[in-house]
Amino acid sequence: MALPALALDVAAPNTLCCSMCGKDSEHVRYLMAGAAGGHLCDACTVAAMKIVLGQRVKDLLGPTVTASR
């Protein structure tokens, strides 16, 4: 699913926004600052953690054995 392009809010240039979902700091619990100037909100952080942990579980389980047909 393609995500819409994020538009910058020129009316509030000092408002921090999540670099992933575009929500501003008033609509999230927190924004985590990144080294390159980007920010990640709490919801996107949880989503990213689920992806990483899911992949780690797959890596630990290794390739699955499938029955030949």
PDB file of N, CA and C in Angstrom:
ATOM      1  N   MET A   1       0.853  -1.172   0.000  1.00  0.00           N
ATOM      2  CA  MET A   1       0.000   0.000   0.000  1.00  0.00           C
ATOM      3  C   MET A   1       0.899   1.235   0.000  1.00  0.00           C
ATOM      4  N   ALA A   2       0.680   2.110  -0.926  1.00  0.00           N
ATOM      5  CA  ALA A   2       1.478   3.327  -1.030  1.00  0.00           C
ATOM      6  C   ALA A   2       0.953   4.373  -0.055  1.00  0.00           C
ATOM      7  N   LEU A   3       1.871   5.050   0.582  1.00  0.00           N
ATOM      8  CA  LEU A   3       1.506   6.113   1.502  1.00  0.00           C
ATOM      9  C   LEU A   3       1.510   7.445   0.779  1.00  0.00           C
ATOM     10  N   PRO A   4       0.619   8.355   1.153  1.00  0.00           N
ATOM     11  CA  PRO A   4       0.611   9.664   0.494  1.00  0.00           C
ATOM     12  C   PRO A   4       1.858  10.458   0.869  1.00  0.00           C
ATOM     13  N   ALA A   5       2.277  11.310  -0.030  1.00  0.00           N
ATOM     14  CA  ALA A   5       3.424  12.171   0.238  1.00  0.00           C
ATOM     15  C   ALA A   5       3.063  13.148   1.346  1.00  0.00           C
ATOM     16  N   LEU A   6       4.025  13.430   2.197  1.00  0.00           N
ATOM     17  CA  LEU A   6       3.796  14.346   3.306  1.00  0.00           C
ATOM     18  C   LEU A   6       4.060  15.776   2.857  1.00  0.00           C
ATOM     19  N   ALA A   7       3.171  16.657   3.187  1.00  0.00           N
ATOM     20  CA  ALA A   7       3.344  18.065   2.856  1.00  0.00           C
ATOM     21  C   ALA A   7       3.833  18.817   4.088  1.00  0.00           C
ATOM     22  N   LEU A   8       4.734  19.729   3.900  1.00  0.00           N
ATOM     23  CA  LEU A   8       5.215  20.536   5.009  1.00  0.00           C
ATOM     24  C   LEU A   8       4.194  21.604   5.357  1.00  0.00           C
ATOM     25  N   ASP A   9       4.015  21.846   6.637  1.00  0.00           N
ATOM     26  CA  ASP A   9       3.072  22.865   7.098  1.00  0.00           C
ATOM     27  C   ASP A   9       3.830  24.185   7.180  1.00  0.00           C
ATOM     28  N   VAL A  10       3.652  25.046   6.192  1.00  0.00           N
ATOM     29  CA  VAL A  10       4.382  26.308   6.172  1.00  0.00           C
ATOM     30  C   VAL A  10       3.860  27.290   7.211  1.00  0.00           C
ATOM     31  N   ALA A  11       2.654  27.061   7.737  1.00  0.00           N
ATOM     32  CA  ALA A  11       2.088  27.968   8.736  1.00  0.00           C
ATOM     33  C   ALA A  11       2.757  27.778  10.101  1.00  0.00           C
ATOM     34  N   ALA A  12       3.294  26.600  10.349  1.00  0.00           N
ATOM     35  CA  ALA A  12       3.925  26.315  11.640  1.00  0.00           C
ATOM     36  C   ALA A  12       5.307  25.702  11.411  1.00  0.00           C
ATOM     37  N   PRO A  13       6.291  26.500  11.025  1.00  0.00           N
ATOM     38  CA  PRO A  13       7.604  25.968  10.674  1.00  0.00           C
ATOM     39  C   PRO A  13       8.366  25.347  11.846  1.00  0.00           C
ATOM     40  N   ASN A  14       8.015  25.679  13.076  1.00  0.00           N
ATOM     41  CA  ASN A  14       8.722  25.140  14.235  1.00  0.00           C
ATOM     42  C   ASN A  14       8.048  23.909  14.819  1.00  0.00           C
ATOM     43  N   THR A  15       6.956  23.449  14.224  1.00  0.00           N
ATOM     44  CA  THR A  15       6.264  22.269  14.708  1.00  0.00           C
ATOM     45  C   THR A  15       7.011  21.023  14.259  1.00  0.00           C
ATOM     46  N   LEU A  16       7.320  20.146  15.205  1.00  0.00           N
ATOM     47  CA  LEU A  16       7.991  18.899  14.881  1.00  0.00           C
ATOM     48  C   LEU A  16       6.963  17.865  14.465  1.00  0.00           C
ATOM     49  N   CYS A  17       7.312  17.051  13.460  1.00  0.00           N
ATOM     50  CA  CYS A  17       6.418  16.014  12.949  1.00  0.00           C
ATOM     51  C   CYS A  17       7.167  14.696  12.832  1.00  0.00           C
ATOM     52  N   CYS A  18       6.419  13.605  12.913  1.00  0.00           N
ATOM     53  CA  CYS A  18       6.980  12.279  12.701  1.00  0.00           C
ATOM     54  C   CYS A  18       7.383  12.156  11.232  1.00  0.00           C
ATOM     55  N   SER A  19       8.571  11.685  10.991  1.00  0.00           N
ATOM     56  CA  SER A  19       9.065  11.531   9.627  1.00  0.00           C
ATOM     57  C   SER A  19       8.395  10.375   8.895  1.00  0.00           C
ATOM     58  N   MET A  20       7.761   9.469   9.633  1.00  0.00           N
ATOM     59  CA  MET A  20       7.103   8.322   9.007  1.00  0.00           C
ATOM     60  C   MET A  20       5.636   8.592   8.695  1.00  0.00           C
ATOM     61  N   CYS A  21       4.865   9.046   9.687  1.00  0.00           N
ATOM     62  CA  CYS A  21       3.421   9.187   9.489  1.00  0.00           C
ATOM     63  C   CYS A  21       2.972  10.634   9.310  1.00  0.00           C
ATOM     64  N   GLY A  22       3.822  11.593   9.662  1.00  0.00           N
ATOM     65  CA  GLY A  22       3.499  12.995   9.464  1.00  0.00           C
ATOM     66  C   GLY A  22       2.718  13.655  10.583  1.00  0.00           C
ATOM     67  N   LYS A  23       2.370  12.900  11.632  1.00  0.00           N
ATOM     68  CA  LYS A  23       1.631  13.507  12.744  1.00  0.00           C
ATOM     69  C   LYS A  23       2.525  14.501  13.470  1.00  0.00           C
ATOM     70  N   ASP A  24       1.926  15.629  13.874  1.00  0.00           N
ATOM     71  CA  ASP A  24       2.734  16.622  14.580  1.00  0.00           C
ATOM     72  C   ASP A  24       2.798  16.305  16.070  1.00  0.00           C
ATOM     73  N   SER A  25       3.655  17.022  16.771  1.00  0.00           N
ATOM     74  CA  SER A  25       3.935  16.740  18.177  1.00  0.00           C
ATOM     75  C   SER A  25       2.721  16.895  19.088  1.00  0.00           C
ATOM     76  N   GLU A  26       1.703  17.586  18.637  1.00  0.00           N
ATOM     77  CA  GLU A  26       0.504  17.753  19.459  1.00  0.00           C
ATOM     78  C   GLU A  26      -0.464  16.582  19.311  1.00  0.00           C
ATOM     79  N   HIS A  27      -0.212  15.686  18.368  1.00  0.00           N
ATOM     80  CA  HIS A  27      -1.109  14.562  18.126  1.00  0.00           C
ATOM     81  C   HIS A  27      -0.482  13.210  18.441  1.00  0.00           C
ATOM     82  N   VAL A  28       0.671  13.217  19.104  1.00  0.00           N
ATOM     83  CA  VAL A  28       1.343  11.983  19.509  1.00  0.00           C
ATOM     84  C   VAL A  28       1.785  12.108  20.960  1.00  0.00           C
ATOM     85  N   ARG A  29       2.107  10.982  21.567  1.00  0.00           N
ATOM     86  CA  ARG A  29       2.585  11.023  22.958  1.00  0.00           C
ATOM     87  C   ARG A  29       3.992  11.586  23.037  1.00  0.00           C
ATOM     88  N   TYR A  30       4.859  11.145  22.113  1.00  0.00           N
ATOM     89  CA  TYR A  30       6.220  11.673  22.089  1.00  0.00           C
ATOM     90  C   TYR A  30       6.808  11.541  20.703  1.00  0.00           C
ATOM     91  N   LEU A  31       7.816  12.319  20.435  1.00  0.00           N
ATOM     92  CA  LEU A  31       8.607  12.227  19.215  1.00  0.00           C
ATOM     93  C   LEU A  31      10.050  11.958  19.614  1.00  0.00           C
ATOM     94  N   MET A  32      10.646  10.949  19.013  1.00  0.00           N
ATOM     95  CA  MET A  32      12.029  10.605  19.278  1.00  0.00           C
ATOM     96  C   MET A  32      12.875  11.220  18.174  1.00  0.00           C
ATOM     97  N   ALA A  33      13.875  11.990  18.534  1.00  0.00           N
ATOM     98  CA  ALA A  33      14.726  12.656  17.550  1.00  0.00           C
ATOM     99  C   ALA A  33      15.772  11.698  17.001  1.00  0.00           C
ATOM    100  N   GLY A  34      15.989  11.772  15.693  1.00  0.00           N
ATOM    101  CA  GLY A  34      17.012  10.966  15.046  1.00  0.00           C
ATOM    102  C   GLY A  34      18.260  11.794  14.786  1.00  0.00           C
ATOM    103  N   ALA A  35      19.335  11.125  14.462  1.00  0.00           N
ATOM    104  CA  ALA A  35      20.613  11.797  14.246  1.00  0.00           C
ATOM    105  C   ALA A  35      20.601  12.698  13.019  1.00  0.00           C
ATOM    106  N   ALA A  36      19.806  12.367  12.013  1.00  0.00           N
ATOM    107  CA  ALA A  36      19.796  13.135  10.767  1.00  0.00           C
ATOM    108  C   ALA A  36      18.706  14.201  10.752  1.00  0.00           C
ATOM    109  N   GLY A  37      18.107  14.481  11.899  1.00  0.00           N
ATOM    110  CA  GLY A  37      17.102  15.522  11.976  1.00  0.00           C
ATOM    111  C   GLY A  37      15.674  15.041  11.852  1.00  0.00           C
ATOM    112  N   GLY A  38      15.481  13.756  11.582  1.00  0.00           N
ATOM    113  CA  GLY A  38      14.139  13.199  11.505  1.00  0.00           C
ATOM    114  C   GLY A  38      13.611  12.871  12.891  1.00  0.00           C
ATOM    115  N   HIS A  39      12.323  12.598  12.975  1.00  0.00           N
ATOM    116  CA  HIS A  39      11.694  12.249  14.244  1.00  0.00           C
ATOM    117  C   HIS A  39      10.776  11.057  14.036  1.00  0.00           C
ATOM    118  N   LEU A  40      10.583  10.262  15.088  1.00  0.00           N
ATOM    119  CA  LEU A  40       9.722   9.086  15.033  1.00  0.00           C
ATOM    120  C   LEU A  40       8.772   9.148  16.223  1.00  0.00           C
ATOM    121  N   CYS A  41       7.465   9.025  15.954  1.00  0.00           N
ATOM    122  CA  CYS A  41       6.479   9.097  17.038  1.00  0.00           C
ATOM    123  C   CYS A  41       6.353   7.750  17.742  1.00  0.00           C
ATOM    124  N   ASP A  42       5.619   7.738  18.841  1.00  0.00           N
ATOM    125  CA  ASP A  42       5.452   6.520  19.631  1.00  0.00           C
ATOM    126  C   ASP A  42       4.770   5.417  18.828  1.00  0.00           C
ATOM    127  N   ALA A  43       3.754   5.741  18.040  1.00  0.00           N
ATOM    128  CA  ALA A  43       3.039   4.719  17.271  1.00  0.00           C
ATOM    129  C   ALA A  43       3.947   4.101  16.204  1.00  0.00           C
ATOM    130  N   CYS A  44       4.720   4.911  15.521  1.00  0.00           N
ATOM    131  CA  CYS A  44       5.630   4.397  14.505  1.00  0.00           C
ATOM    132  C   CYS A  44       6.779   3.625  15.140  1.00  0.00           C
ATOM    133  N   THR A  45       7.190   4.013  16.342  1.00  0.00           N
ATOM    134  CA  THR A  45       8.228   3.286  17.065  1.00  0.00           C
ATOM    135  C   THR A  45       7.740   1.878  17.385  1.00  0.00           C
ATOM    136  N   VAL A  46       6.504   1.749  17.870  1.00  0.00           N
ATOM    137  CA  VAL A  46       5.934   0.440  18.181  1.00  0.00           C
ATOM    138  C   VAL A  46       5.817  -0.398  16.914  1.00  0.00           C
ATOM    139  N   ALA A  47       5.358   0.200  15.827  1.00  0.00           N
ATOM    140  CA  ALA A  47       5.235  -0.528  14.561  1.00  0.00           C
ATOM    141  C   ALA A  47       6.604  -1.028  14.086  1.00  0.00           C
ATOM    142  N   ALA A  48       7.615  -0.182  14.202  1.00  0.00           N
ATOM    143  CA  ALA A  48       8.964  -0.567  13.790  1.00  0.00           C
ATOM    144  C   ALA A  48       9.500  -1.692  14.677  1.00  0.00           C
ATOM    145  N   MET A  49       9.226  -1.617  15.969  1.00  0.00           N
ATOM    146  CA  MET A  49       9.671  -2.665  16.893  1.00  0.00           C
ATOM    147  C   MET A  49       9.023  -4.001  16.542  1.00  0.00           C
ATOM    148  N   LYS A  50       7.750  -3.992  16.194  1.00  0.00           N
ATOM    149  CA  LYS A  50       7.058  -5.230  15.824  1.00  0.00           C
ATOM    150  C   LYS A  50       7.676  -5.845  14.574  1.00  0.00           C
ATOM    151  N   ILE A  51       8.026  -5.007  13.610  1.00  0.00           N
ATOM    152  CA  ILE A  51       8.649  -5.510  12.387  1.00  0.00           C
ATOM    153  C   ILE A  51      10.008  -6.123  12.693  1.00  0.00           C
ATOM    154  N   VAL A  52      10.826  -5.421  13.457  1.00  0.00           N
ATOM    155  CA  VAL A  52      12.171  -5.908  13.782  1.00  0.00           C
ATOM    156  C   VAL A  52      12.094  -7.183  14.614  1.00  0.00           C
ATOM    157  N   LEU A  53      11.240  -7.202  15.645  1.00  0.00           N
ATOM    158  CA  LEU A  53      11.127  -8.393  16.481  1.00  0.00           C
ATOM    159  C   LEU A  53      10.567  -9.577  15.704  1.00  0.00           C
ATOM    160  N   GLY A  54       9.611  -9.332  14.820  1.00  0.00           N
ATOM    161  CA  GLY A  54       9.080 -10.406  13.983  1.00  0.00           C
ATOM    162  C   GLY A  54      10.152 -11.009  13.099  1.00  0.00           C
ATOM    163  N   GLN A  55      11.005 -10.163  12.543  1.00  0.00           N
ATOM    164  CA  GLN A  55      12.094 -10.656  11.702  1.00  0.00           C
ATOM    165  C   GLN A  55      13.115 -11.423  12.529  1.00  0.00           C
ATOM    166  N   ARG A  56      13.379 -10.941  13.744  1.00  0.00           N
ATOM    167  CA  ARG A  56      14.331 -11.644  14.620  1.00  0.00           C
ATOM    168  C   ARG A  56      13.831 -13.043  14.946  1.00  0.00           C
ATOM    169  N   VAL A  57      12.525 -13.178  15.198  1.00  0.00           N
ATOM    170  CA  VAL A  57      11.945 -14.494  15.483  1.00  0.00           C
ATOM    171  C   VAL A  57      12.109 -15.399  14.267  1.00  0.00           C
ATOM    172  N   LYS A  58      11.826 -14.877  13.076  1.00  0.00           N
ATOM    173  CA  LYS A  58      11.998 -15.663  11.856  1.00  0.00           C
ATOM    174  C   LYS A  58      13.452 -16.089  11.684  1.00  0.00           C
ATOM    175  N   ASP A  59      14.373 -15.192  11.976  1.00  0.00           N
ATOM    176  CA  ASP A  59      15.800 -15.507  11.857  1.00  0.00           C
ATOM    177  C   ASP A  59      16.208 -16.604  12.839  1.00  0.00           C
ATOM    178  N   LEU A  60      15.674 -16.549  14.057  1.00  0.00           N
ATOM    179  CA  LEU A  60      16.014 -17.547  15.063  1.00  0.00           C
ATOM    180  C   LEU A  60      15.427 -18.908  14.741  1.00  0.00           C
ATOM    181  N   LEU A  61      14.237 -18.941  14.160  1.00  0.00           N
ATOM    182  CA  LEU A  61      13.596 -20.211  13.822  1.00  0.00           C
ATOM    183  C   LEU A  61      14.209 -20.854  12.591  1.00  0.00           C
ATOM    184  N   GLY A  62      14.828 -20.040  11.764  1.00  0.00           N
ATOM    185  CA  GLY A  62      15.473 -20.562  10.567  1.00  0.00           C
ATOM    186  C   GLY A  62      14.448 -20.911   9.492  1.00  0.00           C
ATOM    187  N   PRO A  63      14.935 -21.495   8.432  1.00  0.00           N
ATOM    188  CA  PRO A  63      14.018 -21.849   7.335  1.00  0.00           C
ATOM    189  C   PRO A  63      13.048 -22.937   7.784  1.00  0.00           C
ATOM    190  N   THR A  64      11.826 -22.824   7.332  1.00  0.00           N
ATOM    191  CA  THR A  64      10.830 -23.821   7.691  1.00  0.00           C
ATOM    192  C   THR A  64      10.882 -24.978   6.699  1.00  0.00           C
ATOM    193  N   VAL A  65      10.607 -26.141   7.196  1.00  0.00           N
ATOM    194  CA  VAL A  65      10.611 -27.332   6.356  1.00  0.00           C
ATOM    195  C   VAL A  65       9.223 -27.494   5.776  1.00  0.00           C
ATOM    196  N   THR A  66       9.143 -27.622   4.468  1.00  0.00           N
ATOM    197  CA  THR A  66       7.846 -27.795   3.808  1.00  0.00           C
ATOM    198  C   THR A  66       7.755 -29.191   3.240  1.00  0.00           C
ATOM    199  N   ALA A  67       6.591 -29.771   3.295  1.00  0.00           N
ATOM    200  CA  ALA A  67       6.381 -31.107   2.740  1.00  0.00           C
ATOM    201  C   ALA A  67       6.348 -31.024   1.235  1.00  0.00           C
ATOM    202  N   SER A  68       7.018 -31.973   0.579  1.00  0.00           N
ATOM    203  CA  SER A  68       7.008 -31.974  -0.887  1.00  0.00           C
ATOM    204  C   SER A  68       5.715 -32.597  -1.391  1.00  0.00           C
ATOM    205  N   ARG A  69       5.249 -32.077  -2.516  1.00  0.00           N
ATOM    206  CA  ARG A  69       3.970 -32.562  -3.069  1.00  0.00           C
ATOM    207  C   ARG A  69       4.216 -33.425  -4.249  1.00  0.00           C
TER     208      ARG A  69
END
